[in-house]
Protein backbone atom coordinates (compact mmCIF):
# COMPACT_ATOMS: atom_id res chain seq x y z
CA UNK A 1 57.95 -29.84 -7.43
CA UNK A 2 54.56 -30.80 -6.38
CA UNK A 3 51.41 -29.22 -7.13
CA UNK A 4 49.12 -28.03 -4.33
CA UNK A 5 45.71 -29.04 -5.10
CA UNK A 6 43.87 -27.93 -1.71
CA UNK A 7 45.08 -26.34 1.63
CA UNK A 8 42.75 -25.76 4.54
CA UNK A 9 42.65 -26.16 8.20
CA UNK A 10 40.62 -28.53 10.12
CA UNK A 11 40.12 -29.52 13.91
CA UNK A 12 39.67 -32.62 15.62
CA UNK A 13 36.03 -33.68 16.32
CA UNK A 14 34.78 -34.86 19.83
CA UNK A 15 36.26 -38.36 18.79
CA UNK A 16 39.78 -36.88 17.93
CA UNK A 17 39.08 -37.33 14.37
CA UNK A 18 39.96 -35.08 11.39
CA UNK A 19 37.84 -34.95 8.10
CA UNK A 20 39.49 -34.70 4.99
CA UNK A 21 37.39 -32.80 2.36
CA UNK A 22 36.70 -34.42 -0.80
CA UNK A 23 39.24 -37.30 -0.27
CA UNK A 24 40.39 -39.04 -3.34
CA UNK A 25 41.23 -42.35 -1.63
CA UNK A 26 39.60 -44.78 0.96
CA UNK A 27 42.87 -45.65 2.70
CA UNK A 28 45.78 -43.76 3.97
CA UNK A 29 49.11 -44.52 5.75
CA UNK A 30 49.81 -42.12 8.66
CA UNK A 31 53.00 -40.86 9.67
CA UNK A 32 53.23 -38.73 12.95
CA UNK A 33 56.62 -37.29 13.68
CA UNK A 34 57.95 -35.90 16.96
CA UNK A 35 57.55 -32.06 15.86
CA UNK A 36 54.03 -32.59 15.31
CA UNK A 37 54.16 -33.00 11.55
CA UNK A 38 51.55 -35.84 10.21
CA UNK A 39 51.89 -37.07 6.62
CA UNK A 40 49.05 -38.80 5.01
CA UNK A 41 50.09 -41.18 2.00
CA UNK A 42 47.20 -43.06 -0.06
CA UNK A 43 47.26 -46.86 0.28
CA UNK A 44 45.52 -49.17 -2.12
CA UNK A 45 44.51 -52.42 -0.24
CA UNK A 46 45.11 -55.61 -2.23
CA UNK A 47 42.05 -57.96 -2.18
CA UNK A 48 42.84 -60.70 0.40
CA UNK A 49 42.60 -63.49 -2.10
CA UNK A 50 44.95 -61.95 -4.69
CA UNK A 51 48.41 -63.52 -4.81
CA UNK A 52 51.24 -62.12 -6.73
CA UNK A 53 52.94 -63.80 -9.47
CA UNK A 54 56.30 -63.85 -7.83
CA UNK A 55 54.65 -65.53 -4.26
CA UNK A 56 52.88 -68.52 -6.62
CA UNK A 57 56.13 -69.00 -8.35
CA UNK A 58 57.99 -69.25 -4.95
CA UNK A 59 55.17 -71.58 -3.64
CA UNK A 60 55.35 -73.98 -6.78
CA UNK A 61 59.12 -74.26 -6.29
CA UNK A 62 58.62 -75.06 -2.61
CA UNK A 63 56.24 -77.65 -3.60
CA UNK A 64 58.44 -79.04 -6.16
CA UNK A 65 61.29 -79.30 -3.36
CA UNK A 66 58.66 -80.96 -0.88
CA UNK A 67 58.07 -83.58 -3.35
CA UNK A 68 61.70 -84.21 -4.08
CA UNK A 69 62.32 -84.63 -0.28
CA UNK A 70 64.23 -81.32 0.04
CA UNK A 71 62.27 -80.16 3.15
CA UNK A 72 63.51 -78.77 6.69
CA UNK A 73 62.65 -80.74 9.80
CA UNK A 74 58.94 -80.38 11.31
CA UNK A 75 58.36 -77.45 13.57
CA UNK A 76 57.31 -78.41 17.33
CA UNK A 77 54.36 -76.20 17.70
CA UNK A 78 53.35 -77.50 21.07
CA UNK A 79 54.46 -74.76 23.17
CA UNK A 80 51.46 -72.87 21.64
């Protein structure tokens, strides 16, 4: 069972925002349900230039395949 750290009421301000008192995170994912329930889950954003080891490995394999001539046909982007 989860421990409740805080419980308080809040209201929308004039710009339809709410305040989270003493928020521990900068970013939250918001899920709103039909019954009015709103769930906030903390999110940690990844720096834009960080690439996971798995992605780097996949890119290396793709480049090896390209050098070996294992590549699909070019995609026609003229429609864009």
